[in-house]
Protein backbone atom coordinates (compact mmCIF):
# COMPACT_ATOMS: atom_id res chain seq x y z
CA UNK A 1 24.12 2.43 -2.03
CA UNK A 2 25.58 4.23 -4.99
CA UNK A 3 24.19 7.38 -6.60
CA UNK A 4 22.17 5.54 -9.25
CA UNK A 5 20.50 3.34 -6.67
CA UNK A 6 19.60 6.32 -4.49
CA UNK A 7 18.15 8.24 -7.45
CA UNK A 8 16.12 5.20 -8.49
CA UNK A 9 14.70 4.81 -4.98
CA UNK A 10 13.91 8.54 -4.86
CA UNK A 11 11.84 8.37 -8.05
CA UNK A 12 10.09 5.16 -6.98
CA UNK A 13 9.36 6.74 -3.60
CA UNK A 14 7.75 9.67 -5.45
CA UNK A 15 5.63 7.19 -7.41
CA UNK A 16 4.61 5.52 -4.16
CA UNK A 17 3.96 8.88 -2.48
CA UNK A 18 1.38 9.97 -5.06
CA UNK A 19 -0.05 6.46 -5.35
CA UNK A 20 -0.47 6.15 -1.58
CA UNK A 21 -1.77 9.70 -1.25
CA UNK A 22 -4.52 9.01 -3.78
CA UNK A 23 -5.67 6.05 -1.68
CA UNK A 24 -5.09 7.53 1.78
CA UNK A 25 -6.80 10.87 1.25
CA UNK A 26 -10.19 9.18 0.84
CA UNK A 27 -10.21 7.89 4.41
CA UNK A 28 -9.81 11.11 6.43
CA UNK A 29 -12.29 12.74 4.03
CA UNK A 30 -14.84 10.15 5.19
CA UNK A 31 -16.84 12.35 7.61
CA UNK A 32 -16.95 15.20 5.08
CA UNK A 33 -17.98 13.00 2.15
CA UNK A 34 -20.63 11.13 4.16
CA UNK A 35 -22.20 14.43 5.19
CA UNK A 36 -21.89 16.09 1.78
CA UNK A 37 -23.30 13.18 -0.24
CA UNK A 38 -25.62 11.98 2.55
CA UNK A 39 -24.26 8.45 2.35
CA UNK A 40 -23.97 5.71 4.99
CA UNK A 41 -20.72 4.24 6.36
CA UNK A 42 -21.37 1.20 4.17
CA UNK A 43 -21.59 3.39 1.05
CA UNK A 44 -18.42 5.18 2.04
CA UNK A 45 -16.73 1.81 2.55
CA UNK A 46 -17.77 0.86 -0.99
CA UNK A 47 -16.26 4.08 -2.35
CA UNK A 48 -12.97 3.19 -0.66
CA UNK A 49 -13.07 -0.46 -1.68
CA UNK A 50 -14.06 0.24 -5.32
CA UNK A 51 -10.48 1.37 -5.97
CA UNK A 52 -9.03 -1.70 -4.25
CA UNK A 53 -11.30 -4.19 -5.98
CA UNK A 54 -10.64 -2.74 -9.44
CA UNK A 55 -6.90 -2.57 -8.72
CA UNK A 56 -6.99 -6.20 -7.64
CA UNK A 57 -8.67 -7.28 -10.88
CA UNK A 58 -6.30 -5.28 -13.11
CA UNK A 59 -3.27 -6.53 -11.19
CA UNK A 60 -4.44 -10.11 -11.65
CA UNK A 61 -4.84 -9.65 -15.40
CA UNK A 62 -1.45 -7.91 -15.64
CA UNK A 63 0.26 -10.89 -14.02
CA UNK A 64 -0.09 -12.87 -17.25
CA UNK A 65 2.03 -10.52 -19.36
CA UNK A 66 4.20 -8.25 -17.15
CA UNK A 67 7.27 -10.49 -17.27
CA UNK A 68 7.33 -10.16 -21.07
CA UNK A 69 8.11 -6.42 -20.95
CA UNK A 70 10.60 -3.94 -19.56
CA UNK A 71 9.37 -3.07 -16.07
CA UNK A 72 10.05 0.64 -16.64
CA UNK A 73 7.76 0.73 -19.67
CA UNK A 74 4.94 -0.94 -17.78
CA UNK A 75 5.34 1.42 -14.84
CA UNK A 76 5.33 4.42 -17.17
CA UNK A 77 2.14 3.27 -18.92
CA UNK A 78 0.30 2.39 -15.69
CA UNK A 79 1.30 5.61 -13.97
CA UNK A 80 -0.02 7.80 -16.81
CA UNK A 81 -3.39 6.02 -16.57
CA UNK A 82 -3.38 6.42 -12.80
CA UNK A 83 -2.81 10.19 -13.09
CA UNK A 84 -5.74 10.45 -15.52
CA UNK A 85 -7.90 8.58 -13.00
CA UNK A 86 -6.83 10.90 -10.20
CA UNK A 87 -7.77 13.97 -12.22
CA UNK A 88 -11.14 12.30 -12.86
CA UNK A 89 -11.65 12.12 -9.08
CA UNK A 90 -10.87 15.83 -8.83
CA UNK A 91 -13.61 16.65 -11.34
CA UNK A 92 -16.28 14.24 -10.03
CA UNK A 93 -19.43 16.24 -9.10
CA UNK A 94 -21.31 13.56 -7.15
CA UNK A 95 -21.01 10.22 -5.35
CA UNK A 96 -21.74 8.02 -8.38
CA UNK A 97 -19.14 9.68 -10.58
CA UNK A 98 -16.63 9.69 -7.73
CA UNK A 99 -16.99 5.91 -7.46
CA UNK A 100 -16.56 5.69 -11.25
CA UNK A 101 -13.40 7.79 -11.06
CA UNK A 102 -12.04 5.62 -8.23
CA UNK A 103 -12.60 2.57 -10.42
CA UNK A 104 -10.67 4.21 -13.27
CA UNK A 105 -7.78 5.12 -10.96
CA UNK A 106 -7.76 1.59 -9.56
CA UNK A 107 -7.67 0.07 -13.05
CA UNK A 108 -4.18 1.51 -13.60
CA UNK A 109 -3.11 1.85 -9.98
CA UNK A 110 -3.36 -1.91 -9.58
CA UNK A 111 -0.27 -2.35 -11.73
CA UNK A 112 1.89 0.30 -10.06
CA UNK A 113 2.68 -1.28 -6.72
CA UNK A 114 3.77 -4.60 -8.21
CA UNK A 115 6.07 -2.91 -10.73
CA UNK A 116 7.71 -0.75 -8.06
CA UNK A 117 8.36 -3.78 -5.85
CA UNK A 118 9.60 -5.83 -8.81
CA UNK A 119 12.03 -3.07 -9.84
CA UNK A 120 13.39 -2.83 -6.29
CA UNK A 121 13.63 -6.62 -5.99
CA UNK A 122 15.44 -6.92 -9.33
CA UNK A 123 17.85 -4.15 -8.35
CA UNK A 124 18.70 -5.03 -4.73
CA UNK A 125 19.86 -8.44 -3.53
CA UNK A 126 17.93 -10.17 -0.75
CA UNK A 127 20.51 -9.22 1.87
CA UNK A 128 19.98 -5.48 1.08
CA UNK A 129 16.33 -5.57 0.13
CA UNK A 130 14.72 -4.69 3.47
CA UNK A 131 16.88 -1.57 3.68
CA UNK A 132 15.66 -0.54 0.22
CA UNK A 133 12.07 -1.32 1.20
CA UNK A 134 12.50 0.78 4.34
CA UNK A 135 13.53 3.79 2.24
CA UNK A 136 10.65 3.13 -0.14
CA UNK A 137 8.21 3.02 2.78
CA UNK A 138 9.17 6.56 3.78
CA UNK A 139 6.81 7.55 0.96
CA UNK A 140 3.99 6.37 3.20
CA UNK A 141 5.43 8.42 6.04
CA UNK A 142 5.72 11.56 3.92
CA UNK A 143 2.18 11.03 2.63
CA UNK A 144 1.03 10.94 6.25
CA UNK A 145 3.12 13.78 7.64
CA UNK A 146 2.80 16.19 4.71
CA UNK A 147 0.41 14.89 2.09
CA UNK A 148 -2.67 14.11 4.16
CA UNK A 149 -2.54 17.27 6.31
CA UNK A 150 -2.04 19.37 3.17
CA UNK A 151 -4.87 17.53 1.44
CA UNK A 152 -7.21 18.05 4.38
CA UNK A 153 -6.28 21.74 4.51
CA UNK A 154 -7.13 22.09 0.82
CA UNK A 155 -10.41 20.25 1.37
CA UNK A 156 -11.33 22.44 4.35
CA UNK A 157 -10.45 25.77 2.69
CA UNK A 158 -11.56 25.02 -0.87
CA UNK A 159 -13.37 21.74 -1.54
CA UNK A 160 -12.83 17.99 -1.35
CA UNK A 161 -11.94 18.06 -5.07
CA UNK A 162 -8.71 20.00 -4.46
CA UNK A 163 -6.59 17.21 -2.86
CA UNK A 164 -7.08 15.03 -5.93
CA UNK A 165 -6.25 17.94 -8.23
CA UNK A 166 -3.01 18.53 -6.32
CA UNK A 167 -2.06 14.82 -6.42
CA UNK A 168 -2.74 14.67 -10.16
CA UNK A 169 -0.63 17.78 -10.79
CA UNK A 170 2.27 16.31 -8.82
CA UNK A 171 1.81 13.09 -10.76
CA UNK A 172 2.50 14.93 -14.02
CA UNK A 173 5.93 15.88 -12.66
CA UNK A 174 6.58 12.28 -11.58
CA UNK A 175 5.78 11.05 -15.10
CA UNK A 176 8.76 13.01 -16.43
CA UNK A 177 10.95 11.71 -13.58
CA UNK A 178 10.13 8.12 -14.56
CA UNK A 179 10.92 8.86 -18.19
CA UNK A 180 14.31 10.44 -17.53
CA UNK A 181 15.65 8.90 -14.31
CA UNK A 182 14.47 5.26 -14.20
CA UNK A 183 16.72 3.04 -16.34
CA UNK A 184 15.35 0.10 -18.33
CA UNK A 185 14.74 -2.85 -16.02
CA UNK A 186 14.83 -5.76 -18.46
CA UNK A 187 17.45 -8.27 -17.35
CA UNK A 188 14.69 -10.78 -16.74
CA UNK A 189 14.18 -10.71 -20.53
CA UNK A 190 17.80 -11.53 -21.37
CA UNK A 191 18.08 -15.07 -20.01
CA UNK A 192 17.23 -16.60 -23.39
CA UNK A 193 14.48 -18.80 -21.96
CA UNK A 194 11.21 -19.14 -23.87
CA UNK A 195 8.42 -17.34 -22.01
CA UNK A 196 5.93 -20.16 -22.47
CA UNK A 197 2.26 -20.15 -21.57
CA UNK A 198 1.29 -16.99 -19.67
CA UNK A 199 -0.94 -19.12 -17.43
CA UNK A 200 2.22 -20.66 -15.98
CA UNK A 201 2.32 -17.82 -13.44
CA UNK A 202 -0.77 -19.34 -11.84
CA UNK A 203 0.25 -22.98 -12.15
CA UNK A 204 3.66 -22.16 -10.64
CA UNK A 205 1.97 -20.57 -7.64
CA UNK A 206 -0.46 -23.45 -7.10
CA UNK A 207 2.30 -26.03 -7.54
CA UNK A 208 4.74 -24.28 -5.21
CA UNK A 209 3.67 -24.45 -1.55
CA UNK A 210 6.13 -21.72 -0.56
CA UNK A 211 4.57 -19.27 -3.02
CA UNK A 212 1.09 -20.22 -1.80
CA UNK A 213 2.14 -19.53 1.78
CA UNK A 214 3.55 -16.13 0.76
CA UNK A 215 0.31 -15.30 -1.03
CA UNK A 216 -1.78 -16.35 1.96
CA UNK A 217 0.39 -14.23 4.23
CA UNK A 218 -0.33 -11.21 2.00
CA UNK A 219 -4.08 -11.79 2.17
CA UNK A 220 -4.24 -12.28 5.93
CA UNK A 221 -1.96 -9.37 6.77
CA UNK A 222 -3.68 -6.87 4.47
CA UNK A 223 -7.15 -7.84 5.67
CA UNK A 224 -6.03 -7.43 9.27
CA UNK A 225 -4.66 -3.99 8.46
CA UNK A 226 -7.37 -2.52 6.27
CA UNK A 227 -10.48 -3.67 8.07
CA UNK A 228 -9.86 -0.92 10.65
CA UNK A 229 -8.04 1.75 8.58
CA UNK A 230 -10.99 3.26 6.64
CA UNK A 231 -13.01 3.86 9.79
CA UNK A 232 -10.38 5.38 12.07
CA UNK A 233 -11.30 8.96 11.11
CA UNK A 234 -15.10 8.45 11.35
CA UNK A 235 -14.68 6.70 14.73
CA UNK A 236 -12.49 9.48 16.12
CA UNK A 237 -15.10 12.07 15.11
CA UNK A 238 -18.13 10.03 16.19
CA UNK A 239 -16.76 8.17 19.23
CA UNK A 240 -13.80 10.13 20.61
CA UNK A 241 -15.21 13.63 20.09
CA UNK A 242 -12.58 14.71 17.58
CA UNK A 243 -13.34 17.63 15.32
CA UNK A 244 -12.81 17.07 11.60
CA UNK A 245 -10.11 19.76 11.63
CA UNK A 246 -8.05 17.68 14.10
CA UNK A 247 -7.87 14.53 12.01
CA UNK A 248 -4.74 15.72 10.19
CA UNK A 249 -2.83 15.52 13.49
CA UNK A 250 -3.15 11.72 13.48
CA UNK A 251 -1.39 11.49 10.14
CA UNK A 252 1.06 14.28 10.95
CA UNK A 253 2.34 12.62 14.12
CA UNK A 254 2.24 9.06 12.76
CA UNK A 255 3.98 10.04 9.54
CA UNK A 256 6.66 12.05 11.33
CA UNK A 257 7.50 9.09 13.55
CA UNK A 258 7.71 6.60 10.68
CA UNK A 259 9.99 8.84 8.64
CA UNK A 260 12.65 7.93 11.20
CA UNK A 261 11.57 4.39 12.05
CA UNK A 262 11.04 2.98 8.52
CA UNK A 263 14.69 3.11 7.34
CA UNK A 264 15.78 1.90 10.78
CA UNK A 265 13.43 -1.09 10.65
CA UNK A 266 14.75 -1.97 7.18
CA UNK A 267 18.38 -1.92 8.31
CA UNK A 268 17.62 -3.99 11.42
CA UNK A 269 15.66 -6.53 9.36
CA UNK A 270 18.63 -7.03 7.01
CA UNK A 271 21.01 -7.45 9.95
CA UNK A 272 18.90 -9.38 12.45
CA UNK A 273 16.51 -11.24 10.17
CA UNK A 274 13.25 -10.35 8.43
CA UNK A 275 11.05 -12.74 10.39
CA UNK A 276 12.08 -11.73 13.96
CA UNK A 277 11.53 -8.06 13.11
CA UNK A 278 8.15 -8.85 11.57
CA UNK A 279 7.02 -10.82 14.64
CA UNK A 280 8.03 -8.03 17.01
CA UNK A 281 6.18 -5.38 15.01
CA UNK A 282 3.10 -7.58 14.50
CA UNK A 283 2.74 -8.35 18.22
CA UNK A 284 3.30 -4.73 19.22
CA UNK A 285 0.63 -3.62 16.73
CA UNK A 286 -2.03 -5.59 18.62
CA UNK A 287 -1.90 -3.02 21.44
CA UNK A 288 -2.85 0.09 19.43
CA UNK A 289 -5.40 -1.90 17.38
CA UNK A 290 -7.24 -2.82 20.59
CA UNK A 291 -7.03 0.71 21.97
CA UNK A 292 -8.12 2.46 18.75
CA UNK A 293 -11.15 0.24 18.18
CA UNK A 294 -12.29 0.48 21.81
CA UNK A 295 -11.63 4.20 22.18
CA UNK A 296 -14.15 6.49 23.80
CA UNK A 297 -13.72 10.10 24.75
CA UNK A 298 -10.00 10.69 25.30
CA UNK A 299 -7.55 13.60 25.53
CA UNK A 300 -5.71 14.59 22.37
CA UNK A 301 -2.29 13.53 23.63
CA UNK A 302 -3.52 9.99 24.37
CA UNK A 303 -5.07 9.56 20.93
CA UNK A 304 -1.90 10.83 19.24
CA UNK A 305 0.26 8.46 21.30
CA UNK A 306 -1.91 5.45 20.42
CA UNK A 307 -2.16 6.29 16.74
CA UNK A 308 1.58 7.04 16.58
CA UNK A 309 2.36 3.58 17.96
CA UNK A 310 -0.04 2.08 15.42
CA UNK A 311 1.74 3.81 12.52
CA UNK A 312 5.16 2.65 13.72
CA UNK A 313 4.08 -0.96 14.25
CA UNK A 314 2.08 -1.16 11.00
CA UNK A 315 5.06 0.10 8.96
CA UNK A 316 7.31 -2.23 10.92
CA UNK A 317 5.18 -5.17 9.83
CA UNK A 318 5.09 -4.28 6.15
CA UNK A 319 8.80 -3.62 5.50
CA UNK A 320 10.13 -7.12 6.36
CA UNK A 321 7.00 -8.71 4.90
CA UNK A 322 7.60 -7.18 1.46
CA UNK A 323 11.19 -8.39 1.54
CA UNK A 324 10.13 -11.91 2.60
CA UNK A 325 7.45 -12.21 -0.09
CA UNK A 326 9.67 -10.89 -2.89
CA UNK A 327 12.27 -13.57 -2.12
CA UNK A 328 10.15 -16.63 -2.91
CA UNK A 329 10.50 -16.36 -6.73
CA UNK A 330 13.26 -15.94 -9.30
CA UNK A 331 13.68 -12.65 -11.21
CA UNK A 332 12.17 -14.26 -14.32
CA UNK A 333 8.93 -14.99 -12.42
CA UNK A 334 8.93 -11.99 -10.13
CA UNK A 335 6.83 -9.55 -12.14
CA UNK A 336 3.95 -11.99 -12.55
CA UNK A 337 4.11 -13.20 -8.96
CA UNK A 338 4.28 -9.69 -7.52
CA UNK A 339 1.34 -8.67 -9.72
CA UNK A 340 -0.70 -11.59 -8.39
CA UNK A 341 0.41 -10.64 -4.87
CA UNK A 342 -0.53 -7.01 -5.41
CA UNK A 343 -3.85 -8.14 -6.85
CA UNK A 344 -4.79 -10.27 -3.87
CA UNK A 345 -3.64 -7.51 -1.53
CA UNK A 346 -5.90 -4.99 -3.26
CA UNK A 347 -8.82 -7.41 -3.28
CA UNK A 348 -8.15 -8.17 0.38
CA UNK A 349 -8.26 -4.49 1.32
CA UNK A 350 -11.54 -4.08 -0.55
CA UNK A 351 -12.98 -7.20 1.07
CA UNK A 352 -11.79 -6.08 4.50
CA UNK A 353 -13.37 -2.62 4.12
CA UNK A 354 -16.68 -4.20 3.12
CA UNK A 355 -16.59 -6.77 5.94
CA UNK A 356 -15.92 -4.00 8.44
CA UNK A 357 -18.65 -1.87 6.87
CA UNK A 358 -21.10 -4.75 7.32
CA UNK A 359 -20.14 -5.14 10.99
CA UNK A 360 -20.28 -1.51 12.09
CA UNK A 361 -23.32 0.73 12.10
CA UNK A 362 -23.96 4.42 12.65
CA UNK A 363 -25.50 5.21 16.02
CA UNK A 364 -26.94 8.40 17.53
CA UNK A 365 -24.89 11.53 16.90
CA UNK A 366 -22.75 9.85 14.26
CA UNK A 367 -21.31 7.30 16.70
CA UNK A 368 -19.67 4.26 15.04
CA UNK A 369 -21.09 1.16 16.74
CA UNK A 370 -19.41 -2.28 16.94
CA UNK A 371 -16.02 -0.96 15.86
CA UNK A 372 -14.52 -3.01 18.69
CA UNK A 373 -15.70 -6.18 16.94
CA UNK A 374 -13.76 -5.12 13.87
CA UNK A 375 -10.73 -4.64 16.12
CA UNK A 376 -10.94 -8.20 17.48
CA UNK A 377 -11.23 -9.52 13.91
CA UNK A 378 -8.13 -7.53 12.94
CA UNK A 379 -6.15 -8.78 15.94
CA UNK A 380 -6.98 -12.40 15.12
CA UNK A 381 -5.75 -11.98 11.55
CA UNK A 382 -2.51 -10.26 12.61
CA UNK A 383 -1.83 -13.03 15.13
CA UNK A 384 -2.40 -15.65 12.41
CA UNK A 385 0.06 -13.87 10.12
CA UNK A 386 2.86 -14.47 12.64
CA UNK A 387 2.50 -18.24 12.20
CA UNK A 388 2.14 -17.99 8.43
CA UNK A 389 5.26 -15.84 7.97
CA UNK A 390 7.39 -18.39 9.80
CA UNK A 391 6.77 -20.93 7.03
CA UNK A 392 7.67 -18.63 4.11
CA UNK A 393 11.28 -19.21 3.02
CA UNK A 394 13.49 -17.40 0.45
CA UNK A 395 14.71 -19.38 -2.54
CA UNK A 396 17.82 -21.46 -1.92
CA UNK A 397 20.87 -19.31 -2.62
CA UNK A 398 18.71 -16.20 -2.96
CA UNK A 399 20.30 -14.50 0.01
CA UNK A 400 23.61 -14.29 -1.86
CA UNK A 401 22.11 -12.64 -4.92
CA UNK A 402 23.64 -9.29 -5.77
CA UNK A 403 22.20 -7.26 -8.60
CA UNK A 404 23.43 -3.84 -9.71
CA UNK A 405 21.18 -1.12 -11.07
CA UNK A 406 20.30 -2.34 -14.55
CA UNK A 407 22.07 -0.59 -17.42
CA UNK A 408 20.08 0.40 -20.49
CA UNK A 409 19.81 -2.30 -23.13
CA UNK A 410 19.36 -1.24 -26.74
CA UNK A 411 16.59 -3.33 -28.20
CA UNK A 412 16.94 -4.55 -31.76
CA UNK A 413 14.36 -3.35 -34.19
């Protein structure tokens, strides 16, 4: 990679870091928020899913117009709205207003992920894309190893409002980085083709079996992942005897491991094939999913080993999957398709959190009951994704595509 490509990935990773942090910090705050607001696990699940559902709706709507604009401009607009929503979370005084603030953040956050992936896909050819995705995924690792522990420390020593205030403040810095260091990404606008009916993004998906399979893969994989994620922290406190102050160790260890494994997985996927790497990671992930959702009282080292394996395998699934899904459309269609994909992913995470919330219940002493049932549901979905991914193919000739970092294009008045 040249200097421009590395700088672009660095800024996009910073966007992802703050975006992921805003979503992730809600989950380890679960025990604290449930006690403070006197809400049930189902109500907490709704607070988590409200962001995802709103993001899914906004991403779906965005799909009809995103390919008509410079991707940098759309990212800049969406990110400013997301930062405003994050500050709103920081100032929310009660449960109802917190949910409202999460909805506002989701309204703009739903457009961010698709634009980041579209920019990376437009910039890096298919044969280099998994490596770029692996670097981009280190944002998740850094959010886990540094962001979540720091956020939990702020929540423990000040209040739960402080993590959101810190994320919003960092987001202000990232806004300027987008403005100055991300070049225009508009080559999809320069092909001279008429843009046609915006509804074509949907008809193309429904009329293209390969795109439908990619979309289904996104839904199944994200539901399998996020039906257990929101309740890991509450289950460790209620079932495994963890103290709230120890939760940060899960994210610290898991994030530290994936900082090293994410770029490695990306490079291996480009060299050995996206699908074989995905299958390996997906099958390995079944082990920690079973152990986490059936966990009783256990020593700290065992819990950290299990959760660390889960982080590695979960990241290992997502890196080749993002590369596979991004390869089923042309650059001219990519923004709309990735927005639809991001939309269904967000809706899937919200649906998964609510399904899991309906299955589990709170037992004596804060124990999370029936979490093992959620684990079996997750394992079934992950196993199904292995068969779905096998049928998703990149466009013919796509693997030879090579695209440089886009140069600025002066638009005519």
